[in-house]
């Protein structure tokens, strides 16, 4: 069972997540031949203040 994990800033709509899950599933099926029902996608919403990159918190790099 392939598992695709995505961590991203919080704030995407349910519809955006739905489209992302579908697109990632399609890509896995088309690329690897995996069964569509076997592909799991796990989305993790992360607060900007809980991520750091480039020496700064995400909330400082991308306020708002």
PDB file of N, CA and C in Angstrom:
ATOM      1  N   UNK A   1       0.841  -1.167   0.000  1.00  0.00           N
ATOM      2  CA  UNK A   1       0.000   0.000   0.000  1.00  0.00           C
ATOM      3  C   UNK A   1       0.890   1.236   0.000  1.00  0.00           C
ATOM      4  N   UNK A   2       0.888   2.000  -1.066  1.00  0.00           N
ATOM      5  CA  UNK A   2       1.643   3.258  -1.086  1.00  0.00           C
ATOM      6  C   UNK A   2       0.969   4.296  -0.194  1.00  0.00           C
ATOM      7  N   UNK A   3       1.795   5.013   0.571  1.00  0.00           N
ATOM      8  CA  UNK A   3       1.299   6.102   1.404  1.00  0.00           C
ATOM      9  C   UNK A   3       2.018   7.384   0.994  1.00  0.00           C
ATOM     10  N   UNK A   4       1.254   8.398   0.676  1.00  0.00           N
ATOM     11  CA  UNK A   4       1.805   9.709   0.327  1.00  0.00           C
ATOM     12  C   UNK A   4       1.498  10.639   1.495  1.00  0.00           C
ATOM     13  N   UNK A   5       2.534  11.244   2.058  1.00  0.00           N
ATOM     14  CA  UNK A   5       2.349  12.171   3.182  1.00  0.00           C
ATOM     15  C   UNK A   5       2.647  13.591   2.711  1.00  0.00           C
ATOM     16  N   UNK A   6       1.761  14.496   3.055  1.00  0.00           N
ATOM     17  CA  UNK A   6       1.916  15.904   2.676  1.00  0.00           C
ATOM     18  C   UNK A   6       1.777  16.748   3.935  1.00  0.00           C
ATOM     19  N   UNK A   7       2.788  17.556   4.210  1.00  0.00           N
ATOM     20  CA  UNK A   7       2.711  18.526   5.290  1.00  0.00           C
ATOM     21  C   UNK A   7       2.704  19.902   4.648  1.00  0.00           C
ATOM     22  N   UNK A   8       1.750  20.723   5.054  1.00  0.00           N
ATOM     23  CA  UNK A   8       1.614  22.034   4.434  1.00  0.00           C
ATOM     24  C   UNK A   8       1.031  23.008   5.442  1.00  0.00           C
ATOM     25  N   UNK A   9       1.225  24.297   5.152  1.00  0.00           N
ATOM     26  CA  UNK A   9       0.638  25.311   6.017  1.00  0.00           C
ATOM     27  C   UNK A   9      -0.872  25.134   6.066  1.00  0.00           C
ATOM     28  N   UNK A  10      -1.416  25.348   7.220  1.00  0.00           N
ATOM     29  CA  UNK A  10      -2.857  25.323   7.427  1.00  0.00           C
ATOM     30  C   UNK A  10      -3.513  26.409   6.588  1.00  0.00           C
ATOM     31  N   UNK A  11      -4.726  26.147   6.128  1.00  0.00           N
ATOM     32  CA  UNK A  11      -5.467  27.202   5.445  1.00  0.00           C
ATOM     33  C   UNK A  11      -6.088  26.808   4.122  1.00  0.00           C
ATOM     34  N   UNK A  12      -5.799  25.599   3.653  1.00  0.00           N
ATOM     35  CA  UNK A  12      -6.421  25.176   2.389  1.00  0.00           C
ATOM     36  C   UNK A  12      -7.863  24.751   2.653  1.00  0.00           C
ATOM     37  N   UNK A  13      -8.707  24.950   1.678  1.00  0.00           N
ATOM     38  CA  UNK A  13     -10.111  24.566   1.816  1.00  0.00           C
ATOM     39  C   UNK A  13     -10.266  23.051   1.650  1.00  0.00           C
ATOM     40  N   UNK A  14     -11.399  22.556   2.069  1.00  0.00           N
ATOM     41  CA  UNK A  14     -11.696  21.134   1.891  1.00  0.00           C
ATOM     42  C   UNK A  14     -11.661  20.763   0.410  1.00  0.00           C
ATOM     43  N   UNK A  15     -12.178  21.642  -0.444  1.00  0.00           N
ATOM     44  CA  UNK A  15     -12.178  21.356  -1.890  1.00  0.00           C
ATOM     45  C   UNK A  15     -10.747  21.281  -2.425  1.00  0.00           C
ATOM     46  N   UNK A  16      -9.866  22.177  -1.994  1.00  0.00           N
ATOM     47  CA  UNK A  16      -8.463  22.116  -2.422  1.00  0.00           C
ATOM     48  C   UNK A  16      -7.818  20.807  -1.979  1.00  0.00           C
ATOM     49  N   UNK A  17      -8.105  20.398  -0.767  1.00  0.00           N
ATOM     50  CA  UNK A  17      -7.557  19.129  -0.272  1.00  0.00           C
ATOM     51  C   UNK A  17      -8.108  17.951  -1.064  1.00  0.00           C
ATOM     52  N   UNK A  18      -9.387  17.996  -1.370  1.00  0.00           N
ATOM     53  CA  UNK A  18     -10.020  16.942  -2.165  1.00  0.00           C
ATOM     54  C   UNK A  18      -9.330  16.828  -3.529  1.00  0.00           C
ATOM     55  N   UNK A  19      -9.092  17.964  -4.172  1.00  0.00           N
ATOM     56  CA  UNK A  19      -8.427  17.970  -5.484  1.00  0.00           C
ATOM     57  C   UNK A  19      -6.988  17.478  -5.379  1.00  0.00           C
ATOM     58  N   UNK A  20      -6.292  17.861  -4.315  1.00  0.00           N
ATOM     59  CA  UNK A  20      -4.915  17.424  -4.114  1.00  0.00           C
ATOM     60  C   UNK A  20      -4.841  15.912  -3.934  1.00  0.00           C
ATOM     61  N   UNK A  21      -5.726  15.359  -3.111  1.00  0.00           N
ATOM     62  CA  UNK A  21      -5.750  13.915  -2.885  1.00  0.00           C
ATOM     63  C   UNK A  21      -6.013  13.177  -4.207  1.00  0.00           C
ATOM     64  N   UNK A  22      -6.933  13.681  -4.992  1.00  0.00           N
ATOM     65  CA  UNK A  22      -7.237  13.049  -6.274  1.00  0.00           C
ATOM     66  C   UNK A  22      -6.040  13.113  -7.225  1.00  0.00           C
ATOM     67  N   UNK A  23      -5.403  14.282  -7.305  1.00  0.00           N
ATOM     68  CA  UNK A  23      -4.263  14.438  -8.212  1.00  0.00           C
ATOM     69  C   UNK A  23      -3.075  13.569  -7.787  1.00  0.00           C
ATOM     70  N   UNK A  24      -2.799  13.513  -6.492  1.00  0.00           N
ATOM     71  CA  UNK A  24      -1.694  12.686  -6.017  1.00  0.00           C
ATOM     72  C   UNK A  24      -1.979  11.206  -6.242  1.00  0.00           C
ATOM     73  N   UNK A  25      -3.214  10.810  -6.005  1.00  0.00           N
ATOM     74  CA  UNK A  25      -3.598   9.420  -6.244  1.00  0.00           C
ATOM     75  C   UNK A  25      -3.452   9.078  -7.722  1.00  0.00           C
ATOM     76  N   UNK A  26      -3.930   9.943  -8.591  1.00  0.00           N
ATOM     77  CA  UNK A  26      -3.795   9.719 -10.041  1.00  0.00           C
ATOM     78  C   UNK A  26      -2.334   9.594 -10.445  1.00  0.00           C
ATOM     79  N   UNK A  27      -1.488  10.467  -9.900  1.00  0.00           N
ATOM     80  CA  UNK A  27      -0.063  10.427 -10.241  1.00  0.00           C
ATOM     81  C   UNK A  27       0.569   9.107  -9.806  1.00  0.00           C
ATOM     82  N   UNK A  28       0.232   8.635  -8.620  1.00  0.00           N
ATOM     83  CA  UNK A  28       0.788   7.373  -8.132  1.00  0.00           C
ATOM     84  C   UNK A  28       0.323   6.204  -9.001  1.00  0.00           C
ATOM     85  N   UNK A  29      -0.947   6.184  -9.318  1.00  0.00           N
ATOM     86  CA  UNK A  29      -1.499   5.110 -10.149  1.00  0.00           C
ATOM     87  C   UNK A  29      -0.863   5.133 -11.531  1.00  0.00           C
ATOM     88  N   UNK A  30      -0.791   6.307 -12.148  1.00  0.00           N
ATOM     89  CA  UNK A  30      -0.246   6.422 -13.505  1.00  0.00           C
ATOM     90  C   UNK A  30       1.246   6.146 -13.572  1.00  0.00           C
ATOM     91  N   UNK A  31       1.969   6.488 -12.526  1.00  0.00           N
ATOM     92  CA  UNK A  31       3.419   6.336 -12.524  1.00  0.00           C
ATOM     93  C   UNK A  31       3.867   4.939 -12.122  1.00  0.00           C
ATOM     94  N   UNK A  32       3.180   4.366 -11.131  1.00  0.00           N
ATOM     95  CA  UNK A  32       3.641   3.085 -10.588  1.00  0.00           C
ATOM     96  C   UNK A  32       2.751   1.903 -10.912  1.00  0.00           C
ATOM     97  N   UNK A  33       1.548   2.167 -11.389  1.00  0.00           N
ATOM     98  CA  UNK A  33       0.615   1.083 -11.667  1.00  0.00           C
ATOM     99  C   UNK A  33      -0.080   0.561 -10.414  1.00  0.00           C
ATOM    100  N   UNK A  34       0.061   1.282  -9.302  1.00  0.00           N
ATOM    101  CA  UNK A  34      -0.594   0.870  -8.061  1.00  0.00           C
ATOM    102  C   UNK A  34      -2.107   0.892  -8.239  1.00  0.00           C
ATOM    103  N   UNK A  35      -2.767   0.065  -7.480  1.00  0.00           N
ATOM    104  CA  UNK A  35      -4.227   0.070  -7.467  1.00  0.00           C
ATOM    105  C   UNK A  35      -4.716   1.357  -6.818  1.00  0.00           C
ATOM    106  N   UNK A  36      -5.696   1.990  -7.417  1.00  0.00           N
ATOM    107  CA  UNK A  36      -6.229   3.253  -6.887  1.00  0.00           C
ATOM    108  C   UNK A  36      -6.688   3.101  -5.435  1.00  0.00           C
ATOM    109  N   UNK A  37      -7.336   1.984  -5.135  1.00  0.00           N
ATOM    110  CA  UNK A  37      -7.844   1.762  -3.783  1.00  0.00           C
ATOM    111  C   UNK A  37      -6.734   1.513  -2.767  1.00  0.00           C
ATOM    112  N   UNK A  38      -5.545   1.187  -3.237  1.00  0.00           N
ATOM    113  CA  UNK A  38      -4.427   0.910  -2.327  1.00  0.00           C
ATOM    114  C   UNK A  38      -3.668   2.171  -1.930  1.00  0.00           C
ATOM    115  N   UNK A  39      -3.891   3.273  -2.647  1.00  0.00           N
ATOM    116  CA  UNK A  39      -3.133   4.512  -2.398  1.00  0.00           C
ATOM    117  C   UNK A  39      -3.777   5.284  -1.253  1.00  0.00           C
ATOM    118  N   UNK A  40      -2.966   5.569  -0.244  1.00  0.00           N
ATOM    119  CA  UNK A  40      -3.405   6.388   0.880  1.00  0.00           C
ATOM    120  C   UNK A  40      -2.698   7.727   0.797  1.00  0.00           C
ATOM    121  N   UNK A  41      -3.415   8.803   1.086  1.00  0.00           N
ATOM    122  CA  UNK A  41      -2.825  10.140   1.147  1.00  0.00           C
ATOM    123  C   UNK A  41      -3.132  10.705   2.533  1.00  0.00           C
ATOM    124  N   UNK A  42      -2.095  11.126   3.234  1.00  0.00           N
ATOM    125  CA  UNK A  42      -2.242  11.687   4.571  1.00  0.00           C
ATOM    126  C   UNK A  42      -1.856  13.161   4.510  1.00  0.00           C
ATOM    127  N   UNK A  43      -2.789  14.033   4.825  1.00  0.00           N
ATOM    128  CA  UNK A  43      -2.546  15.467   4.826  1.00  0.00           C
ATOM    129  C   UNK A  43      -2.391  15.945   6.266  1.00  0.00           C
ATOM    130  N   UNK A  44      -1.341  16.699   6.519  1.00  0.00           N
ATOM    131  CA  UNK A  44      -1.120  17.271   7.838  1.00  0.00           C
ATOM    132  C   UNK A  44      -1.036  18.783   7.709  1.00  0.00           C
ATOM    133  N   UNK A  45      -1.972  19.463   8.346  1.00  0.00           N
ATOM    134  CA  UNK A  45      -1.948  20.926   8.383  1.00  0.00           C
ATOM    135  C   UNK A  45      -1.037  21.364   9.519  1.00  0.00           C
ATOM    136  N   UNK A  46      -0.138  22.265   9.231  1.00  0.00           N
ATOM    137  CA  UNK A  46       0.816  22.752  10.220  1.00  0.00           C
ATOM    138  C   UNK A  46       0.672  24.267  10.333  1.00  0.00           C
ATOM    139  N   UNK A  47       0.619  24.748  11.556  1.00  0.00           N
ATOM    140  CA  UNK A  47       0.570  26.196  11.773  1.00  0.00           C
ATOM    141  C   UNK A  47       1.892  26.818  11.312  1.00  0.00           C
ATOM    142  N   UNK A  48       1.828  28.012  10.747  1.00  0.00           N
ATOM    143  CA  UNK A  48       3.041  28.690  10.282  1.00  0.00           C
ATOM    144  C   UNK A  48       4.053  28.893  11.393  1.00  0.00           C
ATOM    145  N   UNK A  49       3.565  29.080  12.612  1.00  0.00           N
ATOM    146  CA  UNK A  49       4.478  29.299  13.729  1.00  0.00           C
ATOM    147  C   UNK A  49       5.189  28.022  14.165  1.00  0.00           C
ATOM    148  N   UNK A  50       4.760  26.873  13.645  1.00  0.00           N
ATOM    149  CA  UNK A  50       5.365  25.593  14.010  1.00  0.00           C
ATOM    150  C   UNK A  50       6.356  25.085  12.959  1.00  0.00           C
ATOM    151  N   UNK A  51       6.628  25.882  11.944  1.00  0.00           N
ATOM    152  CA  UNK A  51       7.599  25.518  10.923  1.00  0.00           C
ATOM    153  C   UNK A  51       8.678  26.583  10.869  1.00  0.00           C
ATOM    154  N   UNK A  52       9.885  26.142  10.663  1.00  0.00           N
ATOM    155  CA  UNK A  52      10.974  27.082  10.450  1.00  0.00           C
ATOM    156  C   UNK A  52      11.775  26.670   9.231  1.00  0.00           C
ATOM    157  N   UNK A  53      12.187  27.630   8.446  1.00  0.00           N
ATOM    158  CA  UNK A  53      13.042  27.362   7.287  1.00  0.00           C
ATOM    159  C   UNK A  53      13.772  28.645   6.926  1.00  0.00           C
ATOM    160  N   UNK A  54      14.970  28.478   6.419  1.00  0.00           N
ATOM    161  CA  UNK A  54      15.777  29.657   6.095  1.00  0.00           C
ATOM    162  C   UNK A  54      16.114  30.476   7.330  1.00  0.00           C
ATOM    163  N   UNK A  55      16.109  29.818   8.495  1.00  0.00           N
ATOM    164  CA  UNK A  55      16.447  30.513   9.723  1.00  0.00           C
ATOM    165  C   UNK A  55      15.329  31.346  10.321  1.00  0.00           C
ATOM    166  N   UNK A  56      14.127  31.230   9.768  1.00  0.00           N
ATOM    167  CA  UNK A  56      12.999  32.023  10.256  1.00  0.00           C
ATOM    168  C   UNK A  56      11.775  31.133  10.427  1.00  0.00           C
ATOM    169  N   UNK A  57      10.889  31.567  11.307  1.00  0.00           N
ATOM    170  CA  UNK A  57       9.602  30.888  11.420  1.00  0.00           C
ATOM    171  C   UNK A  57       8.764  31.187  10.181  1.00  0.00           C
ATOM    172  N   UNK A  58       7.936  30.232   9.802  1.00  0.00           N
ATOM    173  CA  UNK A  58       7.052  30.440   8.660  1.00  0.00           C
ATOM    174  C   UNK A  58       6.156  31.643   8.830  1.00  0.00           C
ATOM    175  N   UNK A  59       5.705  31.886  10.055  1.00  0.00           N
ATOM    176  CA  UNK A  59       4.835  33.020  10.311  1.00  0.00           C
ATOM    177  C   UNK A  59       5.561  34.350  10.089  1.00  0.00           C
ATOM    178  N   UNK A  60       6.879  34.362  10.279  1.00  0.00           N
ATOM    179  CA  UNK A  60       7.655  35.579  10.031  1.00  0.00           C
ATOM    180  C   UNK A  60       7.949  35.767   8.545  1.00  0.00           C
ATOM    181  N   UNK A  61       8.156  34.668   7.844  1.00  0.00           N
ATOM    182  CA  UNK A  61       8.421  34.762   6.390  1.00  0.00           C
ATOM    183  C   UNK A  61       7.147  35.040   5.595  1.00  0.00           C
ATOM    184  N   UNK A  62       6.043  34.460   6.065  1.00  0.00           N
ATOM    185  CA  UNK A  62       4.775  34.591   5.357  1.00  0.00           C
ATOM    186  C   UNK A  62       3.682  35.038   6.322  1.00  0.00           C
ATOM    187  N   UNK A  63       3.722  36.273   6.780  1.00  0.00           N
ATOM    188  CA  UNK A  63       2.695  36.741   7.719  1.00  0.00           C
ATOM    189  C   UNK A  63       1.328  36.825   7.043  1.00  0.00           C
ATOM    190  N   UNK A  64       0.313  36.686   7.855  1.00  0.00           N
ATOM    191  CA  UNK A  64      -1.049  36.855   7.329  1.00  0.00           C
ATOM    192  C   UNK A  64      -1.795  35.615   7.092  1.00  0.00           C
TER     193      UNK A  64
END
